């Protein structure tokens, strides 16, 4: 089996797993869960877990994407849980302009379903690594929830404050994704932490770039944002952190992990949502 799998192959495998996870999501009350997962244009955090696994696995071992798929699926489910919860908080507070129209009860039930499904997906992870994966996912979820709880909805954050918010939200999810991938690959503790550092920097940089580059007409939540130039400076620092972290984990120039996260290769996005994107 090839050590590296194409992005399309990984995406198809993740989609199949996610469809299985949504198999019991029936009825209007869980419709937001299905919509949140299926309308996502990428599987970036699941891809991050998969390519971290492929980069961390020993050279004398064939990388089998099936080994990391349950963990990558869990990361994607947690991603959508965070998105639904954050959007519900914005909608209920109604302190900033938004275009959200969730039924609150359905959104709450759907987010709970996604949260539970994320942990259920980890039940298929190898026994030797499952506990560490659960701990990583739990830590990420806690940090993201705390970040949203501590954020003032109506105040305009400084660029540094928004950068720290991106670290605690997108960065926390990315750190978990990369660390989980490396853990399933059998990497030792220090190497797993280097992958976590990479995932945190790359995900925060991606979030900041997508926020800075978004067109106003695409914004679902018009939360107050810092000055664009100041935000761009913070984003550039996170990009530099990403390049240093790539060097620290010794990622080959042609490796899919570098292709996915390198700021020099990654195109900008168009989403200014506060949730990890």
C-alpha atoms as a PDB file:
ATOM      1  CA  UNK A   1       0.000   0.000   0.000  1.00  0.00           C
ATOM      2  CA  UNK A   2       1.281   3.489  -0.821  1.00  0.00           C
ATOM      3  CA  UNK A   3       2.738   5.400   2.108  1.00  0.00           C
ATOM      4  CA  UNK A   4       0.895   8.530   1.019  1.00  0.00           C
ATOM      5  CA  UNK A   5      -2.681   8.667  -0.195  1.00  0.00           C
ATOM      6  CA  UNK A   6      -4.102  11.385  -2.410  1.00  0.00           C
ATOM      7  CA  UNK A   7      -6.244  14.099  -0.878  1.00  0.00           C
ATOM      8  CA  UNK A   8      -9.203  12.870  -2.931  1.00  0.00           C
ATOM      9  CA  UNK A   9      -8.780   9.329  -1.576  1.00  0.00           C
ATOM     10  CA  UNK A  10      -8.605  10.584   1.991  1.00  0.00           C
ATOM     11  CA  UNK A  11     -11.645  12.805   1.432  1.00  0.00           C
ATOM     12  CA  UNK A  12     -13.674   9.928  -0.010  1.00  0.00           C
ATOM     13  CA  UNK A  13     -12.745   7.661   2.885  1.00  0.00           C
ATOM     14  CA  UNK A  14     -13.650  10.340   5.431  1.00  0.00           C
ATOM     15  CA  UNK A  15     -16.961  11.021   3.721  1.00  0.00           C
ATOM     16  CA  UNK A  16     -17.879   7.337   3.929  1.00  0.00           C
ATOM     17  CA  UNK A  17     -17.065   7.252   7.633  1.00  0.00           C
ATOM     18  CA  UNK A  18     -19.029  10.420   8.292  1.00  0.00           C
ATOM     19  CA  UNK A  19     -22.032   9.045   6.421  1.00  0.00           C
ATOM     20  CA  UNK A  20     -21.891   5.994   8.689  1.00  0.00           C
ATOM     21  CA  UNK A  21     -21.734   8.237  11.757  1.00  0.00           C
ATOM     22  CA  UNK A  22     -24.833  10.100  10.570  1.00  0.00           C
ATOM     23  CA  UNK A  23     -26.796   6.939   9.800  1.00  0.00           C
ATOM     24  CA  UNK A  24     -28.995   7.329  12.885  1.00  0.00           C
ATOM     25  CA  UNK A  25     -29.460  11.105  12.513  1.00  0.00           C
ATOM     26  CA  UNK A  26     -33.082  10.968  11.397  1.00  0.00           C
ATOM     27  CA  UNK A  27     -35.851  13.536  11.664  1.00  0.00           C
ATOM     28  CA  UNK A  28     -36.022  17.312  11.764  1.00  0.00           C
ATOM     29  CA  UNK A  29     -34.454  17.567  15.214  1.00  0.00           C
ATOM     30  CA  UNK A  30     -31.133  16.215  13.910  1.00  0.00           C
ATOM     31  CA  UNK A  31     -31.272  17.811  10.464  1.00  0.00           C
ATOM     32  CA  UNK A  32     -28.758  20.530  11.452  1.00  0.00           C
ATOM     33  CA  UNK A  33     -26.187  17.844  12.288  1.00  0.00           C
ATOM     34  CA  UNK A  34     -26.536  16.276   8.851  1.00  0.00           C
ATOM     35  CA  UNK A  35     -26.447  19.652   7.116  1.00  0.00           C
ATOM     36  CA  UNK A  36     -23.393  20.836   9.047  1.00  0.00           C
ATOM     37  CA  UNK A  37     -21.354  17.794   8.038  1.00  0.00           C
ATOM     38  CA  UNK A  38     -22.518  17.460   4.447  1.00  0.00           C
ATOM     39  CA  UNK A  39     -22.317  21.121   3.449  1.00  0.00           C
ATOM     40  CA  UNK A  40     -18.677  21.399   4.503  1.00  0.00           C
ATOM     41  CA  UNK A  41     -16.567  22.013   1.396  1.00  0.00           C
ATOM     42  CA  UNK A  42     -13.469  20.387   2.849  1.00  0.00           C
ATOM     43  CA  UNK A  43     -12.366  17.912   5.492  1.00  0.00           C
ATOM     44  CA  UNK A  44      -9.339  19.948   6.483  1.00  0.00           C
ATOM     45  CA  UNK A  45      -8.989  18.847  10.097  1.00  0.00           C
ATOM     46  CA  UNK A  46      -9.642  15.211   9.274  1.00  0.00           C
ATOM     47  CA  UNK A  47      -7.092  15.504   6.474  1.00  0.00           C
ATOM     48  CA  UNK A  48      -4.655  17.005   8.987  1.00  0.00           C
ATOM     49  CA  UNK A  49      -5.041  13.983  11.261  1.00  0.00           C
ATOM     50  CA  UNK A  50      -4.550  11.612   8.326  1.00  0.00           C
ATOM     51  CA  UNK A  51      -1.450  13.265   6.857  1.00  0.00           C
ATOM     52  CA  UNK A  52       0.066  13.676  10.329  1.00  0.00           C
ATOM     53  CA  UNK A  53      -0.336   9.928  10.729  1.00  0.00           C
ATOM     54  CA  UNK A  54       1.276   9.303   7.348  1.00  0.00           C
ATOM     55  CA  UNK A  55       4.214  11.574   8.187  1.00  0.00           C
ATOM     56  CA  UNK A  56       4.719  10.169  11.689  1.00  0.00           C
ATOM     57  CA  UNK A  57       4.523   6.457  10.885  1.00  0.00           C
ATOM     58  CA  UNK A  58       7.881   4.659  10.826  1.00  0.00           C
ATOM     59  CA  UNK A  59       9.591   4.486   7.399  1.00  0.00           C
ATOM     60  CA  UNK A  60       9.620   0.687   7.527  1.00  0.00           C
ATOM     61  CA  UNK A  61       5.850   0.547   8.073  1.00  0.00           C
ATOM     62  CA  UNK A  62       3.182   0.755   5.378  1.00  0.00           C
ATOM     63  CA  UNK A  63       0.827   3.615   6.145  1.00  0.00           C
ATOM     64  CA  UNK A  64      -2.730   2.323   6.130  1.00  0.00           C
ATOM     65  CA  UNK A  65      -5.257   5.143   6.073  1.00  0.00           C
ATOM     66  CA  UNK A  66      -7.837   2.815   7.657  1.00  0.00           C
ATOM     67  CA  UNK A  67      -5.852   2.904  10.911  1.00  0.00           C
ATOM     68  CA  UNK A  68      -6.328   6.643  11.372  1.00  0.00           C
ATOM     69  CA  UNK A  69      -9.768   7.084   9.791  1.00  0.00           C
ATOM     70  CA  UNK A  70     -11.784   6.624  13.020  1.00  0.00           C
ATOM     71  CA  UNK A  71      -9.738   9.321  14.731  1.00  0.00           C
ATOM     72  CA  UNK A  72      -9.893  11.648  11.722  1.00  0.00           C
ATOM     73  CA  UNK A  73     -13.666  11.165  11.618  1.00  0.00           C
ATOM     74  CA  UNK A  74     -13.916  12.047  15.305  1.00  0.00           C
ATOM     75  CA  UNK A  75     -12.031  15.286  14.686  1.00  0.00           C
ATOM     76  CA  UNK A  76     -14.403  16.281  11.870  1.00  0.00           C
ATOM     77  CA  UNK A  77     -17.455  15.524  14.009  1.00  0.00           C
ATOM     78  CA  UNK A  78     -16.063  17.632  16.844  1.00  0.00           C
ATOM     79  CA  UNK A  79     -15.401  20.409  14.330  1.00  0.00           C
ATOM     80  CA  UNK A  80     -19.074  20.541  13.386  1.00  0.00           C
ATOM     81  CA  UNK A  81     -20.144  20.310  17.027  1.00  0.00           C
ATOM     82  CA  UNK A  82     -18.077  23.427  17.732  1.00  0.00           C
ATOM     83  CA  UNK A  83     -19.518  25.186  14.716  1.00  0.00           C
ATOM     84  CA  UNK A  84     -23.142  24.503  15.655  1.00  0.00           C
ATOM     85  CA  UNK A  85     -22.619  25.436  19.301  1.00  0.00           C
ATOM     86  CA  UNK A  86     -20.857  28.689  18.425  1.00  0.00           C
ATOM     87  CA  UNK A  87     -23.544  29.656  15.911  1.00  0.00           C
ATOM     88  CA  UNK A  88     -26.277  28.860  18.420  1.00  0.00           C
ATOM     89  CA  UNK A  89     -24.604  31.087  21.017  1.00  0.00           C
ATOM     90  CA  UNK A  90     -24.442  33.944  18.508  1.00  0.00           C
ATOM     91  CA  UNK A  91     -28.058  33.469  17.460  1.00  0.00           C
ATOM     92  CA  UNK A  92     -29.419  33.316  21.005  1.00  0.00           C
ATOM     93  CA  UNK A  93     -27.378  36.275  22.244  1.00  0.00           C
ATOM     94  CA  UNK A  94     -28.371  38.312  19.166  1.00  0.00           C
ATOM     95  CA  UNK A  95     -25.699  40.900  19.939  1.00  0.00           C
ATOM     96  CA  UNK A  96     -24.048  40.965  16.499  1.00  0.00           C
ATOM     97  CA  UNK A  97     -25.395  40.897  12.946  1.00  0.00           C
ATOM     98  CA  UNK A  98     -25.846  37.400  11.525  1.00  0.00           C
ATOM     99  CA  UNK A  99     -27.810  35.414   8.970  1.00  0.00           C
ATOM    100  CA  UNK A 100     -28.368  32.337  11.158  1.00  0.00           C
ATOM    101  CA  UNK A 101     -31.817  30.774  11.292  1.00  0.00           C
ATOM    102  CA  UNK A 102     -31.294  27.614  13.337  1.00  0.00           C
ATOM    103  CA  UNK A 103     -34.183  26.194  15.290  1.00  0.00           C
ATOM    104  CA  UNK A 104     -32.570  26.445  18.751  1.00  0.00           C
ATOM    105  CA  UNK A 105     -33.829  23.094  20.020  1.00  0.00           C
ATOM    106  CA  UNK A 106     -32.791  21.250  16.865  1.00  0.00           C
ATOM    107  CA  UNK A 107     -29.383  22.944  16.872  1.00  0.00           C
ATOM    108  CA  UNK A 108     -28.810  21.999  20.506  1.00  0.00           C
ATOM    109  CA  UNK A 109     -29.844  18.377  19.955  1.00  0.00           C
ATOM    110  CA  UNK A 110     -27.760  18.177  16.784  1.00  0.00           C
ATOM    111  CA  UNK A 111     -24.652  19.541  18.454  1.00  0.00           C
ATOM    112  CA  UNK A 112     -25.043  17.019  21.279  1.00  0.00           C
ATOM    113  CA  UNK A 113     -25.421  14.265  18.683  1.00  0.00           C
ATOM    114  CA  UNK A 114     -22.212  15.328  16.930  1.00  0.00           C
ATOM    115  CA  UNK A 115     -20.338  15.529  20.235  1.00  0.00           C
ATOM    116  CA  UNK A 116     -21.419  12.033  21.240  1.00  0.00           C
ATOM    117  CA  UNK A 117     -20.693  10.670  17.763  1.00  0.00           C
ATOM    118  CA  UNK A 118     -17.166  12.078  17.862  1.00  0.00           C
ATOM    119  CA  UNK A 119     -16.322  10.051  20.946  1.00  0.00           C
ATOM    120  CA  UNK A 120     -18.137   7.003  19.585  1.00  0.00           C
ATOM    121  CA  UNK A 121     -15.911   7.151  16.499  1.00  0.00           C
ATOM    122  CA  UNK A 122     -12.849   6.808  18.729  1.00  0.00           C
ATOM    123  CA  UNK A 123     -14.081   3.418  19.919  1.00  0.00           C
ATOM    124  CA  UNK A 124     -12.625   1.983  16.699  1.00  0.00           C
ATOM    125  CA  UNK A 125      -9.126   3.317  17.440  1.00  0.00           C
ATOM    126  CA  UNK A 126      -6.536   0.749  18.500  1.00  0.00           C
ATOM    127  CA  UNK A 127      -6.673  -0.013  22.233  1.00  0.00           C
ATOM    128  CA  UNK A 128      -3.090   1.163  22.772  1.00  0.00           C
ATOM    129  CA  UNK A 129      -3.874   4.672  21.525  1.00  0.00           C
ATOM    130  CA  UNK A 130      -7.568   5.209  22.281  1.00  0.00           C
ATOM    131  CA  UNK A 131      -7.111   6.753  25.718  1.00  0.00           C
ATOM    132  CA  UNK A 132      -4.620   9.335  24.467  1.00  0.00           C
ATOM    133  CA  UNK A 133      -6.915  10.222  21.562  1.00  0.00           C
ATOM    134  CA  UNK A 134      -9.888  10.713  23.883  1.00  0.00           C
ATOM    135  CA  UNK A 135      -7.792  12.957  26.118  1.00  0.00           C
ATOM    136  CA  UNK A 136      -6.681  15.084  23.159  1.00  0.00           C
ATOM    137  CA  UNK A 137     -10.236  15.463  21.888  1.00  0.00           C
ATOM    138  CA  UNK A 138     -11.566  16.322  25.344  1.00  0.00           C
ATOM    139  CA  UNK A 139      -8.873  18.940  25.886  1.00  0.00           C
ATOM    140  CA  UNK A 140      -9.625  20.569  22.531  1.00  0.00           C
ATOM    141  CA  UNK A 141     -13.372  20.662  23.179  1.00  0.00           C
ATOM    142  CA  UNK A 142     -12.872  22.196  26.633  1.00  0.00           C
ATOM    143  CA  UNK A 143     -10.532  24.903  25.366  1.00  0.00           C
ATOM    144  CA  UNK A 144     -12.835  25.824  22.505  1.00  0.00           C
ATOM    145  CA  UNK A 145     -15.886  26.074  24.774  1.00  0.00           C
ATOM    146  CA  UNK A 146     -13.924  28.175  27.279  1.00  0.00           C
ATOM    147  CA  UNK A 147     -12.743  30.483  24.494  1.00  0.00           C
ATOM    148  CA  UNK A 148     -16.288  31.191  23.330  1.00  0.00           C
ATOM    149  CA  UNK A 149     -17.541  31.614  26.893  1.00  0.00           C
ATOM    150  CA  UNK A 150     -14.873  34.201  27.638  1.00  0.00           C
ATOM    151  CA  UNK A 151     -15.265  36.254  24.483  1.00  0.00           C
ATOM    152  CA  UNK A 152     -17.149  39.557  24.591  1.00  0.00           C
ATOM    153  CA  UNK A 153     -19.652  39.513  21.733  1.00  0.00           C
ATOM    154  CA  UNK A 154     -19.979  43.247  21.187  1.00  0.00           C
ATOM    155  CA  UNK A 155     -16.447  44.514  21.797  1.00  0.00           C
ATOM    156  CA  UNK A 156     -13.850  44.846  19.048  1.00  0.00           C
ATOM    157  CA  UNK A 157     -10.815  42.719  19.943  1.00  0.00           C
ATOM    158  CA  UNK A 158      -7.280  43.813  19.216  1.00  0.00           C
ATOM    159  CA  UNK A 159      -5.416  41.833  16.569  1.00  0.00           C
ATOM    160  CA  UNK A 160      -3.421  40.121  19.311  1.00  0.00           C
ATOM    161  CA  UNK A 161      -6.605  39.210  21.180  1.00  0.00           C
ATOM    162  CA  UNK A 162      -8.169  37.786  18.042  1.00  0.00           C
ATOM    163  CA  UNK A 163      -4.968  35.868  17.331  1.00  0.00           C
ATOM    164  CA  UNK A 164      -5.117  34.357  20.808  1.00  0.00           C
ATOM    165  CA  UNK A 165      -8.779  33.482  20.211  1.00  0.00           C
ATOM    166  CA  UNK A 166      -7.810  31.696  16.975  1.00  0.00           C
ATOM    167  CA  UNK A 167      -5.118  29.814  18.905  1.00  0.00           C
ATOM    168  CA  UNK A 168      -7.679  28.609  21.462  1.00  0.00           C
ATOM    169  CA  UNK A 169     -10.324  27.624  18.903  1.00  0.00           C
ATOM    170  CA  UNK A 170      -8.957  26.585  15.511  1.00  0.00           C
ATOM    171  CA  UNK A 171      -5.524  26.074  17.049  1.00  0.00           C
ATOM    172  CA  UNK A 172      -6.852  23.727  19.723  1.00  0.00           C
ATOM    173  CA  UNK A 173      -8.710  21.610  17.181  1.00  0.00           C
ATOM    174  CA  UNK A 174      -5.687  21.512  14.873  1.00  0.00           C
ATOM    175  CA  UNK A 175      -3.359  20.559  17.715  1.00  0.00           C
ATOM    176  CA  UNK A 176      -5.673  17.682  18.604  1.00  0.00           C
ATOM    177  CA  UNK A 177      -5.945  16.536  14.979  1.00  0.00           C
ATOM    178  CA  UNK A 178      -2.197  16.459  14.355  1.00  0.00           C
ATOM    179  CA  UNK A 179      -1.385  14.933  17.742  1.00  0.00           C
ATOM    180  CA  UNK A 180      -4.036  12.246  17.324  1.00  0.00           C
ATOM    181  CA  UNK A 181      -2.667  11.340  13.896  1.00  0.00           C
ATOM    182  CA  UNK A 182       0.863  11.058  15.273  1.00  0.00           C
ATOM    183  CA  UNK A 183      -0.373   9.080  18.276  1.00  0.00           C
ATOM    184  CA  UNK A 184      -2.120   6.490  16.104  1.00  0.00           C
ATOM    185  CA  UNK A 185       1.119   6.232  14.095  1.00  0.00           C
ATOM    186  CA  UNK A 186       2.939   5.194  17.272  1.00  0.00           C
ATOM    187  CA  UNK A 187       5.084   8.309  17.669  1.00  0.00           C
ATOM    188  CA  UNK A 188       6.690   8.894  21.059  1.00  0.00           C
ATOM    189  CA  UNK A 189       5.603  11.667  23.397  1.00  0.00           C
ATOM    190  CA  UNK A 190       8.033  14.426  22.329  1.00  0.00           C
ATOM    191  CA  UNK A 191       7.327  13.806  18.648  1.00  0.00           C
ATOM    192  CA  UNK A 192       3.571  13.876  19.254  1.00  0.00           C
ATOM    193  CA  UNK A 193       3.986  17.256  20.951  1.00  0.00           C
ATOM    194  CA  UNK A 194       5.903  18.590  17.946  1.00  0.00           C
ATOM    195  CA  UNK A 195       3.016  17.541  15.731  1.00  0.00           C
ATOM    196  CA  UNK A 196       0.580  19.236  18.132  1.00  0.00           C
ATOM    197  CA  UNK A 197       2.601  22.454  17.888  1.00  0.00           C
ATOM    198  CA  UNK A 198       2.466  22.232  14.100  1.00  0.00           C
ATOM    199  CA  UNK A 199      -1.275  21.582  14.074  1.00  0.00           C
ATOM    200  CA  UNK A 200      -1.946  24.510  16.401  1.00  0.00           C
ATOM    201  CA  UNK A 201       0.138  26.994  14.391  1.00  0.00           C
ATOM    202  CA  UNK A 202      -1.132  25.860  10.987  1.00  0.00           C
ATOM    203  CA  UNK A 203      -4.784  25.872  12.019  1.00  0.00           C
ATOM    204  CA  UNK A 204      -4.605  29.274  13.688  1.00  0.00           C
ATOM    205  CA  UNK A 205      -2.807  30.699  10.647  1.00  0.00           C
ATOM    206  CA  UNK A 206      -5.446  29.229   8.350  1.00  0.00           C
ATOM    207  CA  UNK A 207      -8.272  30.675  10.449  1.00  0.00           C
ATOM    208  CA  UNK A 208      -6.688  34.120  10.542  1.00  0.00           C
ATOM    209  CA  UNK A 209      -6.077  34.119   6.797  1.00  0.00           C
ATOM    210  CA  UNK A 210      -9.628  33.033   6.046  1.00  0.00           C
ATOM    211  CA  UNK A 211     -10.955  35.753   8.334  1.00  0.00           C
ATOM    212  CA  UNK A 212      -8.796  38.451   6.765  1.00  0.00           C
ATOM    213  CA  UNK A 213      -9.547  37.380   3.178  1.00  0.00           C
ATOM    214  CA  UNK A 214     -13.310  36.838   3.478  1.00  0.00           C
ATOM    215  CA  UNK A 215     -15.697  38.836   1.312  1.00  0.00           C
ATOM    216  CA  UNK A 216     -18.398  40.607   3.370  1.00  0.00           C
ATOM    217  CA  UNK A 217     -21.217  38.975   1.397  1.00  0.00           C
ATOM    218  CA  UNK A 218     -20.020  35.509   2.484  1.00  0.00           C
ATOM    219  CA  UNK A 219     -20.062  36.266   6.201  1.00  0.00           C
ATOM    220  CA  UNK A 220     -22.662  34.335   8.233  1.00  0.00           C
ATOM    221  CA  UNK A 221     -21.740  36.081  11.488  1.00  0.00           C
ATOM    222  CA  UNK A 222     -20.604  39.711  11.339  1.00  0.00           C
ATOM    223  CA  UNK A 223     -18.720  39.686  14.642  1.00  0.00           C
ATOM    224  CA  UNK A 224     -16.540  42.721  15.421  1.00  0.00           C
ATOM    225  CA  UNK A 225     -13.037  42.243  14.015  1.00  0.00           C
ATOM    226  CA  UNK A 226      -9.740  44.060  14.489  1.00  0.00           C
ATOM    227  CA  UNK A 227      -8.055  46.257  11.896  1.00  0.00           C
ATOM    228  CA  UNK A 228      -7.234  44.308   8.740  1.00  0.00           C
ATOM    229  CA  UNK A 229      -3.561  45.245   8.540  1.00  0.00           C
ATOM    230  CA  UNK A 230      -2.977  44.406  12.184  1.00  0.00           C
ATOM    231  CA  UNK A 231      -4.770  41.087  11.743  1.00  0.00           C
ATOM    232  CA  UNK A 232      -2.627  40.346   8.705  1.00  0.00           C
ATOM    233  CA  UNK A 233       0.535  40.889  10.753  1.00  0.00           C
ATOM    234  CA  UNK A 234      -0.649  38.402  13.354  1.00  0.00           C
ATOM    235  CA  UNK A 235      -1.518  35.931  10.588  1.00  0.00           C
ATOM    236  CA  UNK A 236       1.977  36.272   9.105  1.00  0.00           C
ATOM    237  CA  UNK A 237       3.511  35.449  12.475  1.00  0.00           C
ATOM    238  CA  UNK A 238       1.388  32.304  12.745  1.00  0.00           C
ATOM    239  CA  UNK A 239       2.484  31.369   9.216  1.00  0.00           C
ATOM    240  CA  UNK A 240       6.124  31.743  10.270  1.00  0.00           C
ATOM    241  CA  UNK A 241       5.383  29.568  13.312  1.00  0.00           C
ATOM    242  CA  UNK A 242       3.963  26.950  10.944  1.00  0.00           C
ATOM    243  CA  UNK A 243       7.101  26.869   8.805  1.00  0.00           C
ATOM    244  CA  UNK A 244       9.296  26.445  11.880  1.00  0.00           C
ATOM    245  CA  UNK A 245       7.047  23.681  13.190  1.00  0.00           C
ATOM    246  CA  UNK A 246       7.247  21.885   9.829  1.00  0.00           C
ATOM    247  CA  UNK A 247      11.025  21.917  10.095  1.00  0.00           C
ATOM    248  CA  UNK A 248      10.837  20.640  13.688  1.00  0.00           C
ATOM    249  CA  UNK A 249       8.914  17.511  12.660  1.00  0.00           C
ATOM    250  CA  UNK A 250      11.209  16.980   9.641  1.00  0.00           C
ATOM    251  CA  UNK A 251       8.455  16.857   7.036  1.00  0.00           C
ATOM    252  CA  UNK A 252       9.714  16.018   3.550  1.00  0.00           C
ATOM    253  CA  UNK A 253       9.264  18.768   0.911  1.00  0.00           C
ATOM    254  CA  UNK A 254       6.898  16.575  -1.114  1.00  0.00           C
ATOM    255  CA  UNK A 255       4.922  15.167   1.827  1.00  0.00           C
ATOM    256  CA  UNK A 256       1.136  15.681   1.858  1.00  0.00           C
ATOM    257  CA  UNK A 257       1.410  17.194   5.352  1.00  0.00           C
ATOM    258  CA  UNK A 258       3.558  20.043   4.060  1.00  0.00           C
ATOM    259  CA  UNK A 259       1.295  20.428   1.038  1.00  0.00           C
ATOM    260  CA  UNK A 260      -1.748  20.737   3.309  1.00  0.00           C
ATOM    261  CA  UNK A 261      -0.447  23.171   5.919  1.00  0.00           C
ATOM    262  CA  UNK A 262       2.387  25.184   4.392  1.00  0.00           C
ATOM    263  CA  UNK A 263       1.370  28.872   4.175  1.00  0.00           C
ATOM    264  CA  UNK A 264       3.427  29.145   0.986  1.00  0.00           C
ATOM    265  CA  UNK A 265       1.176  26.653  -0.777  1.00  0.00           C
ATOM    266  CA  UNK A 266      -2.209  27.177   0.815  1.00  0.00           C
ATOM    267  CA  UNK A 267      -4.819  29.375  -0.807  1.00  0.00           C
ATOM    268  CA  UNK A 268      -6.956  31.692   1.273  1.00  0.00           C
ATOM    269  CA  UNK A 269     -10.566  31.023   2.181  1.00  0.00           C
ATOM    270  CA  UNK A 270     -13.771  32.963   2.500  1.00  0.00           C
ATOM    271  CA  UNK A 271     -15.184  32.267   5.938  1.00  0.00           C
ATOM    272  CA  UNK A 272     -15.111  34.662   8.869  1.00  0.00           C
ATOM    273  CA  UNK A 273     -17.067  32.475  11.254  1.00  0.00           C
ATOM    274  CA  UNK A 274     -15.700  32.416  14.792  1.00  0.00           C
ATOM    275  CA  UNK A 275     -15.777  28.619  14.924  1.00  0.00           C
ATOM    276  CA  UNK A 276     -12.819  26.514  13.734  1.00  0.00           C
ATOM    277  CA  UNK A 277     -13.043  26.388   9.929  1.00  0.00           C
END
